[in-house]
Each structure stands twice: as C-alpha cells, then as structure tokens.
PDB file of N, CA and C in Angstrom:
ATOM      1  N   MET A   1     114.913 158.077 123.699  1.00  0.00           N
ATOM      2  CA  MET A   1     114.457 159.270 124.399  1.00  0.00           C
ATOM      3  C   MET A   1     114.923 159.244 125.847  1.00  0.00           C
ATOM      4  N   ARG A   2     115.148 160.411 126.390  1.00  0.00           N
ATOM      5  CA  ARG A   2     115.456 160.556 127.820  1.00  0.00           C
ATOM      6  C   ARG A   2     114.153 160.870 128.540  1.00  0.00           C
ATOM      7  N   ILE A   3     113.745 159.952 129.435  1.00  0.00           N
ATOM      8  CA  ILE A   3     112.435 160.039 130.088  1.00  0.00           C
ATOM      9  C   ILE A   3     112.604 160.171 131.592  1.00  0.00           C
ATOM     10  N   LEU A   4     111.914 161.150 132.172  1.00  0.00           N
ATOM     11  CA  LEU A   4     111.833 161.310 133.614  1.00  0.00           C
ATOM     12  C   LEU A   4     110.548 160.635 134.068  1.00  0.00           C
ATOM     13  N   LEU A   5     110.669 159.665 134.943  1.00  0.00           N
ATOM     14  CA  LEU A   5     109.522 158.901 135.429  1.00  0.00           C
ATOM     15  C   LEU A   5     109.299 159.221 136.903  1.00  0.00           C
ATOM     16  N   THR A   6     108.055 159.514 137.265  1.00  0.00           N
ATOM     17  CA  THR A   6     107.701 159.823 138.642  1.00  0.00           C
ATOM     18  C   THR A   6     106.324 159.238 138.943  1.00  0.00           C
ATOM     19  N   ASN A   7     105.858 159.441 140.175  1.00  0.00           N
ATOM     20  CA  ASN A   7     104.518 159.010 140.563  1.00  0.00           C
ATOM     21  C   ASN A   7     104.145 159.699 141.868  1.00  0.00           C
ATOM     22  N   ASP A   8     103.017 159.316 142.449  1.00  0.00           N
ATOM     23  CA  ASP A   8     102.657 159.836 143.769  1.00  0.00           C
ATOM     24  C   ASP A   8     102.566 158.720 144.802  1.00  0.00           C
ATOM     25  N   ASP A   9     102.855 157.497 144.395  1.00  0.00           N
ATOM     26  CA  ASP A   9     102.763 156.340 145.291  1.00  0.00           C
ATOM     27  C   ASP A   9     104.089 155.973 145.945  1.00  0.00           C
ATOM     28  N   GLY A  10     105.167 156.596 145.549  1.00  0.00           N
ATOM     29  CA  GLY A  10     106.465 156.332 146.150  1.00  0.00           C
ATOM     30  C   GLY A  10     107.406 155.583 145.217  1.00  0.00           C
ATOM     31  N   VAL A  11     108.681 155.736 145.480  1.00  0.00           N
ATOM     32  CA  VAL A  11     109.726 155.193 144.610  1.00  0.00           C
ATOM     33  C   VAL A  11     109.714 153.671 144.522  1.00  0.00           C
ATOM     34  N   HIS A  12     109.168 153.002 145.529  1.00  0.00           N
ATOM     35  CA  HIS A  12     109.149 151.535 145.539  1.00  0.00           C
ATOM     36  C   HIS A  12     107.800 150.945 145.128  1.00  0.00           C
ATOM     37  N   ALA A  13     106.911 151.753 144.557  1.00  0.00           N
ATOM     38  CA  ALA A  13     105.577 151.289 144.165  1.00  0.00           C
ATOM     39  C   ALA A  13     105.651 150.306 142.987  1.00  0.00           C
ATOM     40  N   PRO A  14     104.843 149.256 143.020  1.00  0.00           N
ATOM     41  CA  PRO A  14     104.846 148.269 141.935  1.00  0.00           C
ATOM     42  C   PRO A  14     104.486 148.864 140.567  1.00  0.00           C
ATOM     43  N   GLY A  15     103.569 149.813 140.537  1.00  0.00           N
ATOM     44  CA  GLY A  15     103.179 150.434 139.270  1.00  0.00           C
ATOM     45  C   GLY A  15     104.324 151.197 138.629  1.00  0.00           C
ATOM     46  N   LEU A  16     105.116 151.865 139.444  1.00  0.00           N
ATOM     47  CA  LEU A  16     106.279 152.598 138.950  1.00  0.00           C
ATOM     48  C   LEU A  16     107.303 151.622 138.360  1.00  0.00           C
ATOM     49  N   ALA A  17     107.529 150.521 139.043  1.00  0.00           N
ATOM     50  CA  ALA A  17     108.477 149.512 138.557  1.00  0.00           C
ATOM     51  C   ALA A  17     108.003 148.924 137.228  1.00  0.00           C
ATOM     52  N   ALA A  18     106.697 148.679 137.096  1.00  0.00           N
ATOM     53  CA  ALA A  18     106.156 148.134 135.850  1.00  0.00           C
ATOM     54  C   ALA A  18     106.328 149.118 134.695  1.00  0.00           C
ATOM     55  N   MET A  19     106.047 150.384 134.952  1.00  0.00           N
ATOM     56  CA  MET A  19     106.203 151.398 133.906  1.00  0.00           C
ATOM     57  C   MET A  19     107.672 151.538 133.515  1.00  0.00           C
ATOM     58  N   ARG A  20     108.554 151.508 134.485  1.00  0.00           N
ATOM     59  CA  ARG A  20     109.994 151.607 134.205  1.00  0.00           C
ATOM     60  C   ARG A  20     110.455 150.447 133.327  1.00  0.00           C
ATOM     61  N   ARG A  21     110.036 149.237 133.672  1.00  0.00           N
ATOM     62  CA  ARG A  21     110.406 148.057 132.870  1.00  0.00           C
ATOM     63  C   ARG A  21     109.916 148.194 131.433  1.00  0.00           C
ATOM     64  N   ALA A  22     108.680 148.646 131.266  1.00  0.00           N
ATOM     65  CA  ALA A  22     108.112 148.798 129.925  1.00  0.00           C
ATOM     66  C   ALA A  22     108.894 149.821 129.100  1.00  0.00           C
ATOM     67  N   LEU A  23     109.289 150.923 129.730  1.00  0.00           N
ATOM     68  CA  LEU A  23     110.054 151.948 129.017  1.00  0.00           C
ATOM     69  C   LEU A  23     111.472 151.481 128.718  1.00  0.00           C
ATOM     70  N   LEU A  24     112.090 150.780 129.666  1.00  0.00           N
ATOM     71  CA  LEU A  24     113.436 150.250 129.440  1.00  0.00           C
ATOM     72  C   LEU A  24     113.437 149.187 128.347  1.00  0.00           C
ATOM     73  N   ASP A  25     112.367 148.400 128.254  1.00  0.00           N
ATOM     74  CA  ASP A  25     112.251 147.387 127.204  1.00  0.00           C
ATOM     75  C   ASP A  25     112.274 148.018 125.818  1.00  0.00           C
ATOM     76  N   ARG A  26     111.873 149.257 125.740  1.00  0.00           N
ATOM     77  CA  ARG A  26     111.882 149.980 124.467  1.00  0.00           C
ATOM     78  C   ARG A  26     113.169 150.787 124.291  1.00  0.00           C
ATOM     79  N   GLU A  27     114.139 150.500 125.152  1.00  0.00           N
ATOM     80  CA  GLU A  27     115.499 151.054 125.087  1.00  0.00           C
ATOM     81  C   GLU A  27     115.560 152.566 125.270  1.00  0.00           C
ATOM     82  N   HIS A  28     114.674 153.111 126.108  1.00  0.00           N
ATOM     83  CA  HIS A  28     114.744 154.524 126.467  1.00  0.00           C
ATOM     84  C   HIS A  28     115.684 154.698 127.650  1.00  0.00           C
ATOM     85  N   ASP A  29     116.239 155.892 127.780  1.00  0.00           N
ATOM     86  CA  ASP A  29     117.026 156.264 128.953  1.00  0.00           C
ATOM     87  C   ASP A  29     116.028 156.738 130.004  1.00  0.00           C
ATOM     88  N   VAL A  30     115.808 155.943 131.050  1.00  0.00           N
ATOM     89  CA  VAL A  30     114.769 156.220 132.043  1.00  0.00           C
ATOM     90  C   VAL A  30     115.415 156.576 133.379  1.00  0.00           C
ATOM     91  N   ILE A  31     115.089 157.755 133.888  1.00  0.00           N
ATOM     92  CA  ILE A  31     115.544 158.203 135.195  1.00  0.00           C
ATOM     93  C   ILE A  31     114.304 158.363 136.068  1.00  0.00           C
ATOM     94  N   VAL A  32     114.318 157.700 137.217  1.00  0.00           N
ATOM     95  CA  VAL A  32     113.184 157.759 138.136  1.00  0.00           C
ATOM     96  C   VAL A  32     113.511 158.734 139.263  1.00  0.00           C
ATOM     97  N   VAL A  33     112.650 159.712 139.459  1.00  0.00           N
ATOM     98  CA  VAL A  33     112.716 160.617 140.605  1.00  0.00           C
ATOM     99  C   VAL A  33     111.306 160.641 141.175  1.00  0.00           C
ATOM    100  N   ALA A  34     111.123 159.980 142.316  1.00  0.00           N
ATOM    101  CA  ALA A  34     109.791 159.807 142.895  1.00  0.00           C
ATOM    102  C   ALA A  34     109.850 160.050 144.403  1.00  0.00           C
ATOM    103  N   PRO A  35     108.701 160.306 145.010  1.00  0.00           N
ATOM    104  CA  PRO A  35     108.674 160.513 146.463  1.00  0.00           C
ATOM    105  C   PRO A  35     109.202 159.294 147.217  1.00  0.00           C
ATOM    106  N   ASP A  36     109.777 159.548 148.369  1.00  0.00           N
ATOM    107  CA  ASP A  36     110.304 158.449 149.185  1.00  0.00           C
ATOM    108  C   ASP A  36     109.195 157.680 149.900  1.00  0.00           C
ATOM    109  N   ARG A  37     107.953 158.184 149.828  1.00  0.00           N
ATOM    110  CA  ARG A  37     106.808 157.521 150.454  1.00  0.00           C
ATOM    111  C   ARG A  37     105.532 157.970 149.728  1.00  0.00           C
ATOM    112  N   GLU A  38     104.435 157.377 150.099  1.00  0.00           N
ATOM    113  CA  GLU A  38     103.128 157.706 149.526  1.00  0.00           C
ATOM    114  C   GLU A  38     102.864 159.209 149.616  1.00  0.00           C
ATOM    115  N   GLN A  39     102.464 159.815 148.511  1.00  0.00           N
ATOM    116  CA  GLN A  39     102.163 161.249 148.474  1.00  0.00           C
ATOM    117  C   GLN A  39     100.859 161.525 147.735  1.00  0.00           C
ATOM    118  N   SER A  40      99.956 160.541 147.706  1.00  0.00           N
ATOM    119  CA  SER A  40      98.666 160.747 147.041  1.00  0.00           C
ATOM    120  C   SER A  40      97.927 161.910 147.697  1.00  0.00           C
ATOM    121  N   ALA A  41      97.146 162.599 146.892  1.00  0.00           N
ATOM    122  CA  ALA A  41      96.307 163.728 147.321  1.00  0.00           C
ATOM    123  C   ALA A  41      97.112 164.965 147.703  1.00  0.00           C
ATOM    124  N   THR A  42      98.351 165.063 147.228  1.00  0.00           N
ATOM    125  CA  THR A  42      99.116 166.290 147.479  1.00  0.00           C
ATOM    126  C   THR A  42      98.961 167.284 146.346  1.00  0.00           C
ATOM    127  N   SER A  43      98.222 166.888 145.310  1.00  0.00           N
ATOM    128  CA  SER A  43      97.896 167.742 144.184  1.00  0.00           C
ATOM    129  C   SER A  43      99.158 168.318 143.554  1.00  0.00           C
ATOM    130  N   HIS A  44      99.144 169.604 143.280  1.00  0.00           N
ATOM    131  CA  HIS A  44     100.281 170.249 142.613  1.00  0.00           C
ATOM    132  C   HIS A  44     101.165 170.996 143.607  1.00  0.00           C
ATOM    133  N   SER A  45     101.133 170.608 144.866  1.00  0.00           N
ATOM    134  CA  SER A  45     101.865 171.342 145.893  1.00  0.00           C
ATOM    135  C   SER A  45     103.368 171.162 145.745  1.00  0.00           C
ATOM    136  N   ILE A  46     104.101 172.172 146.196  1.00  0.00           N
ATOM    137  CA  ILE A  46     105.559 172.120 146.247  1.00  0.00           C
ATOM    138  C   ILE A  46     106.013 172.463 147.659  1.00  0.00           C
ATOM    139  N   THR A  47     107.186 172.015 148.006  1.00  0.00           N
ATOM    140  CA  THR A  47     107.740 172.247 149.334  1.00  0.00           C
ATOM    141  C   THR A  47     108.541 173.536 149.321  1.00  0.00           C
ATOM    142  N   LEU A  48     108.166 174.485 150.183  1.00  0.00           N
ATOM    143  CA  LEU A  48     108.839 175.778 150.246  1.00  0.00           C
ATOM    144  C   LEU A  48     109.495 176.050 151.595  1.00  0.00           C
ATOM    145  N   ASP A  49     109.177 175.252 152.624  1.00  0.00           N
ATOM    146  CA  ASP A  49     109.587 175.588 153.977  1.00  0.00           C
ATOM    147  C   ASP A  49     110.799 174.819 154.503  1.00  0.00           C
ATOM    148  N   ARG A  50     111.438 173.996 153.653  1.00  0.00           N
ATOM    149  CA  ARG A  50     112.607 173.233 154.107  1.00  0.00           C
ATOM    150  C   ARG A  50     113.365 172.717 152.896  1.00  0.00           C
ATOM    151  N   PRO A  51     114.622 172.389 153.079  1.00  0.00           N
ATOM    152  CA  PRO A  51     115.380 171.791 151.970  1.00  0.00           C
ATOM    153  C   PRO A  51     114.876 170.375 151.681  1.00  0.00           C
ATOM    154  N   LEU A  52     114.948 169.983 150.442  1.00  0.00           N
ATOM    155  CA  LEU A  52     114.573 168.627 150.051  1.00  0.00           C
ATOM    156  C   LEU A  52     115.797 167.717 150.131  1.00  0.00           C
ATOM    157  N   ARG A  53     115.567 166.486 150.530  1.00  0.00           N
ATOM    158  CA  ARG A  53     116.641 165.493 150.572  1.00  0.00           C
ATOM    159  C   ARG A  53     116.437 164.530 149.415  1.00  0.00           C
ATOM    160  N   ILE A  54     117.526 164.246 148.719  1.00  0.00           N
ATOM    161  CA  ILE A  54     117.499 163.341 147.576  1.00  0.00           C
ATOM    162  C   ILE A  54     118.398 162.159 147.896  1.00  0.00           C
ATOM    163  N   LEU A  55     117.835 160.966 147.765  1.00  0.00           N
ATOM    164  CA  LEU A  55     118.586 159.741 148.025  1.00  0.00           C
ATOM    165  C   LEU A  55     118.713 158.967 146.726  1.00  0.00           C
ATOM    166  N   ASP A  56     119.952 158.669 146.333  1.00  0.00           N
ATOM    167  CA  ASP A  56     120.196 157.836 145.161  1.00  0.00           C
ATOM    168  C   ASP A  56     119.981 156.389 145.591  1.00  0.00           C
ATOM    169  N   VAL A  57     118.882 155.800 145.146  1.00  0.00           N
ATOM    170  CA  VAL A  57     118.522 154.436 145.527  1.00  0.00           C
ATOM    171  C   VAL A  57     119.315 153.430 144.687  1.00  0.00           C
ATOM    172  N   GLY A  58     119.889 153.887 143.588  1.00  0.00           N
ATOM    173  CA  GLY A  58     120.671 153.027 142.707  1.00  0.00           C
ATOM    174  C   GLY A  58     119.935 152.683 141.441  1.00  0.00           C
ATOM    175  N   ASP A  59     120.690 152.371 140.407  1.00  0.00           N
ATOM    176  CA  ASP A  59     120.149 151.909 139.132  1.00  0.00           C
ATOM    177  C   ASP A  59     119.173 152.918 138.518  1.00  0.00           C
ATOM    178  N   GLY A  60     119.509 154.214 138.605  1.00  0.00           N
ATOM    179  CA  GLY A  60     118.657 155.240 137.999  1.00  0.00           C
ATOM    180  C   GLY A  60     117.441 155.626 138.796  1.00  0.00           C
ATOM    181  N   LEU A  61     117.376 155.204 140.082  1.00  0.00           N
ATOM    182  CA  LEU A  61     116.246 155.532 140.947  1.00  0.00           C
ATOM    183  C   LEU A  61     116.677 156.544 142.002  1.00  0.00           C
ATOM    184  N   HIS A  62     115.871 157.593 142.154  1.00  0.00           N
ATOM    185  CA  HIS A  62     116.145 158.635 143.136  1.00  0.00           C
ATOM    186  C   HIS A  62     114.882 158.886 143.948  1.00  0.00           C
ATOM    187  N   ALA A  63     115.014 158.894 145.281  1.00  0.00           N
ATOM    188  CA  ALA A  63     113.898 159.147 146.189  1.00  0.00           C
ATOM    189  C   ALA A  63     114.031 160.556 146.757  1.00  0.00           C
ATOM    190  N   VAL A  64     112.929 161.292 146.774  1.00  0.00           N
ATOM    191  CA  VAL A  64     112.905 162.667 147.280  1.00  0.00           C
ATOM    192  C   VAL A  64     111.902 162.730 148.424  1.00  0.00           C
ATOM    193  N   ASP A  65     112.268 163.407 149.508  1.00  0.00           N
ATOM    194  CA  ASP A  65     111.337 163.539 150.638  1.00  0.00           C
ATOM    195  C   ASP A  65     110.418 164.740 150.431  1.00  0.00           C
ATOM    196  N   GLY A  66     109.715 164.722 149.314  1.00  0.00           N
ATOM    197  CA  GLY A  66     108.815 165.810 148.970  1.00  0.00           C
ATOM    198  C   GLY A  66     107.650 165.302 148.149  1.00  0.00           C
ATOM    199  N   THR A  67     106.974 166.233 147.522  1.00  0.00           N
ATOM    200  CA  THR A  67     105.776 165.930 146.735  1.00  0.00           C
ATOM    201  C   THR A  67     106.151 165.481 145.324  1.00  0.00           C
ATOM    202  N   PRO A  68     105.189 164.945 144.567  1.00  0.00           N
ATOM    203  CA  PRO A  68     105.463 164.598 143.171  1.00  0.00           C
ATOM    204  C   PRO A  68     105.944 165.799 142.340  1.00  0.00           C
ATOM    205  N   THR A  69     105.384 166.973 142.584  1.00  0.00           N
ATOM    206  CA  THR A  69     105.848 168.166 141.869  1.00  0.00           C
ATOM    207  C   THR A  69     107.289 168.476 142.220  1.00  0.00           C
ATOM    208  N   ASP A  70     107.645 168.349 143.505  1.00  0.00           N
ATOM    209  CA  ASP A  70     109.042 168.522 143.906  1.00  0.00           C
ATOM    210  C   ASP A  70     109.939 167.570 143.121  1.00  0.00           C
ATOM    211  N   CYS A  71     109.473 166.335 142.939  1.00  0.00           N
ATOM    212  CA  CYS A  71     110.269 165.324 142.247  1.00  0.00           C
ATOM    213  C   CYS A  71     110.554 165.715 140.810  1.00  0.00           C
ATOM    214  N   VAL A  72     109.558 166.249 140.116  1.00  0.00           N
ATOM    215  CA  VAL A  72     109.776 166.673 138.737  1.00  0.00           C
ATOM    216  C   VAL A  72     110.759 167.840 138.694  1.00  0.00           C
ATOM    217  N   LEU A  73     110.600 168.784 139.598  1.00  0.00           N
ATOM    218  CA  LEU A  73     111.528 169.925 139.645  1.00  0.00           C
ATOM    219  C   LEU A  73     112.948 169.470 139.969  1.00  0.00           C
ATOM    220  N   VAL A  74     113.099 168.589 140.951  1.00  0.00           N
ATOM    221  CA  VAL A  74     114.418 168.045 141.299  1.00  0.00           C
ATOM    222  C   VAL A  74     114.987 167.252 140.127  1.00  0.00           C
ATOM    223  N   GLY A  75     114.129 166.490 139.456  1.00  0.00           N
ATOM    224  CA  GLY A  75     114.584 165.716 138.312  1.00  0.00           C
ATOM    225  C   GLY A  75     115.134 166.592 137.204  1.00  0.00           C
ATOM    226  N   CYS A  76     114.420 167.654 136.867  1.00  0.00           N
ATOM    227  CA  CYS A  76     114.840 168.536 135.778  1.00  0.00           C
ATOM    228  C   CYS A  76     116.018 169.428 136.143  1.00  0.00           C
ATOM    229  N   HIS A  77     116.012 169.963 137.353  1.00  0.00           N
ATOM    230  CA  HIS A  77     117.007 170.964 137.711  1.00  0.00           C
ATOM    231  C   HIS A  77     118.153 170.422 138.557  1.00  0.00           C
ATOM    232  N   GLY A  78     118.052 169.171 139.010  1.00  0.00           N
ATOM    233  CA  GLY A  78     119.103 168.615 139.842  1.00  0.00           C
ATOM    234  C   GLY A  78     119.684 167.343 139.272  1.00  0.00           C
ATOM    235  N   VAL A  79     118.872 166.321 139.168  1.00  0.00           N
ATOM    236  CA  VAL A  79     119.356 165.007 138.728  1.00  0.00           C
ATOM    237  C   VAL A  79     119.759 165.035 137.256  1.00  0.00           C
ATOM    238  N   LEU A  80     118.872 165.499 136.390  1.00  0.00           N
ATOM    239  CA  LEU A  80     119.154 165.516 134.952  1.00  0.00           C
ATOM    240  C   LEU A  80     119.973 166.721 134.518  1.00  0.00           C
ATOM    241  N   ARG A  81     119.875 167.810 135.271  1.00  0.00           N
ATOM    242  CA  ARG A  81     120.521 169.072 134.906  1.00  0.00           C
ATOM    243  C   ARG A  81     120.110 169.531 133.507  1.00  0.00           C
ATOM    244  N   GLY A  82     118.825 169.433 133.263  1.00  0.00           N
ATOM    245  CA  GLY A  82     118.233 169.824 131.989  1.00  0.00           C
ATOM    246  C   GLY A  82     116.900 169.135 131.840  1.00  0.00           C
ATOM    247  N   TYR A  83     116.205 169.468 130.791  1.00  0.00           N
ATOM    248  CA  TYR A  83     114.866 168.929 130.608  1.00  0.00           C
ATOM    249  C   TYR A  83     114.896 167.588 129.880  1.00  0.00           C
ATOM    250  N   PRO A  84     114.047 166.658 130.314  1.00  0.00           N
ATOM    251  CA  PRO A  84     113.932 165.384 129.601  1.00  0.00           C
ATOM    252  C   PRO A  84     113.119 165.582 128.316  1.00  0.00           C
ATOM    253  N   ASP A  85     113.130 164.565 127.491  1.00  0.00           N
ATOM    254  CA  ASP A  85     112.285 164.599 126.298  1.00  0.00           C
ATOM    255  C   ASP A  85     110.824 164.377 126.664  1.00  0.00           C
ATOM    256  N   LEU A  86     110.603 163.654 127.766  1.00  0.00           N
ATOM    257  CA  LEU A  86     109.249 163.304 128.172  1.00  0.00           C
ATOM    258  C   LEU A  86     109.209 163.081 129.676  1.00  0.00           C
ATOM    259  N   VAL A  87     108.128 163.514 130.325  1.00  0.00           N
ATOM    260  CA  VAL A  87     107.876 163.209 131.731  1.00  0.00           C
ATOM    261  C   VAL A  87     106.670 162.279 131.784  1.00  0.00           C
ATOM    262  N   VAL A  88     106.839 161.136 132.473  1.00  0.00           N
ATOM    263  CA  VAL A  88     105.759 160.169 132.619  1.00  0.00           C
ATOM    264  C   VAL A  88     105.477 160.010 134.101  1.00  0.00           C
ATOM    265  N   SER A  89     104.196 160.040 134.477  1.00  0.00           N
ATOM    266  CA  SER A  89     103.807 159.854 135.864  1.00  0.00           C
ATOM    267  C   SER A  89     102.848 158.678 135.964  1.00  0.00           C
ATOM    268  N   GLY A  90     103.164 157.742 136.836  1.00  0.00           N
ATOM    269  CA  GLY A  90     102.271 156.599 137.026  1.00  0.00           C
ATOM    270  C   GLY A  90     103.085 155.318 137.079  1.00  0.00           C
ATOM    271  N   ILE A  91     102.508 154.253 137.076  1.00  0.00           N
ATOM    272  CA  ILE A  91     101.111 153.868 137.072  1.00  0.00           C
ATOM    273  C   ILE A  91     100.579 154.059 138.491  1.00  0.00           C
ATOM    274  N   ASN A  92      99.403 154.649 138.612  1.00  0.00           N
ATOM    275  CA  ASN A  92      98.826 154.995 139.901  1.00  0.00           C
ATOM    276  C   ASN A  92      98.173 153.768 140.549  1.00  0.00           C
ATOM    277  N   HIS A  93      98.377 153.616 141.846  1.00  0.00           N
ATOM    278  CA  HIS A  93      97.706 152.567 142.608  1.00  0.00           C
ATOM    279  C   HIS A  93      96.330 153.104 143.009  1.00  0.00           C
ATOM    280  N   GLY A  94      95.296 152.416 142.610  1.00  0.00           N
ATOM    281  CA  GLY A  94      93.946 152.856 142.948  1.00  0.00           C
ATOM    282  C   GLY A  94      93.433 153.890 141.959  1.00  0.00           C
ATOM    283  N   PRO A  95      92.275 154.450 142.256  1.00  0.00           N
ATOM    284  CA  PRO A  95      91.679 155.437 141.327  1.00  0.00           C
ATOM    285  C   PRO A  95      92.437 156.751 141.341  1.00  0.00           C
ATOM    286  N   ASN A  96      92.506 157.396 140.191  1.00  0.00           N
ATOM    287  CA  ASN A  96      93.143 158.697 140.094  1.00  0.00           C
ATOM    288  C   ASN A  96      92.063 159.758 140.295  1.00  0.00           C
ATOM    289  N   MET A  97      92.165 160.497 141.381  1.00  0.00           N
ATOM    290  CA  MET A  97      91.122 161.459 141.743  1.00  0.00           C
ATOM    291  C   MET A  97      91.488 162.879 141.341  1.00  0.00           C
ATOM    292  N   GLY A  98      92.659 163.069 140.711  1.00  0.00           N
ATOM    293  CA  GLY A  98      93.104 164.410 140.323  1.00  0.00           C
ATOM    294  C   GLY A  98      92.506 164.867 139.007  1.00  0.00           C
ATOM    295  N   GLU A  99      93.030 165.963 138.532  1.00  0.00           N
ATOM    296  CA  GLU A  99      92.564 166.536 137.259  1.00  0.00           C
ATOM    297  C   GLU A  99      92.901 165.634 136.098  1.00  0.00           C
TER     298      GLU A  99
END
C-alpha cells in the first residue's frame, strides 16, 4: 500500500519515526509529510495567508511549514500527486485532546 504518514508533533518526532519503521517493516510504500515543528492544538486549520514551504528532508521525509492539515493537502496534491491508499497520523506525544 502507498501510505501518507503525518502528525502534529513535527517531522522529527520519535512517535512518527516509530510508526514509519513499523509500516516499512510491513513493506508498505511510506511517504512522510509532517510539520517542520510542533503544531499541536492547531485542530483542522489550514494556512491561507502565505505560500507553504516544503523541504525534502530525505529518505521519503518532507517537512512543511504549516499545519497538519496543510501537510495532508501538500502530500496528496504536491508530493504524491494523487491520493494515497491510506493516511496515518501519529503516534502523538502526550494525550490527544482532539476529536
């Protein structure tokens, strides 16, 4: 499966790395598009007032200077140029206070 992996803790978060390893161990095609820094409590917000910057961190990892929702949109419409089979978000650091 082609899987888009994101989170709200940032592209270098330990939980994201653990989830990526677990998915890669099952031989999935995993592309990570995650915020370039902590974005907890941004809910479902998207960035409308400026262009987003995307940095190819290497090895299938992409950092976006936006919200987690921005990352999914960039992943589908920019990095992947199409929809993945599955979008996975997490593993979250600390309690998940969202819906």
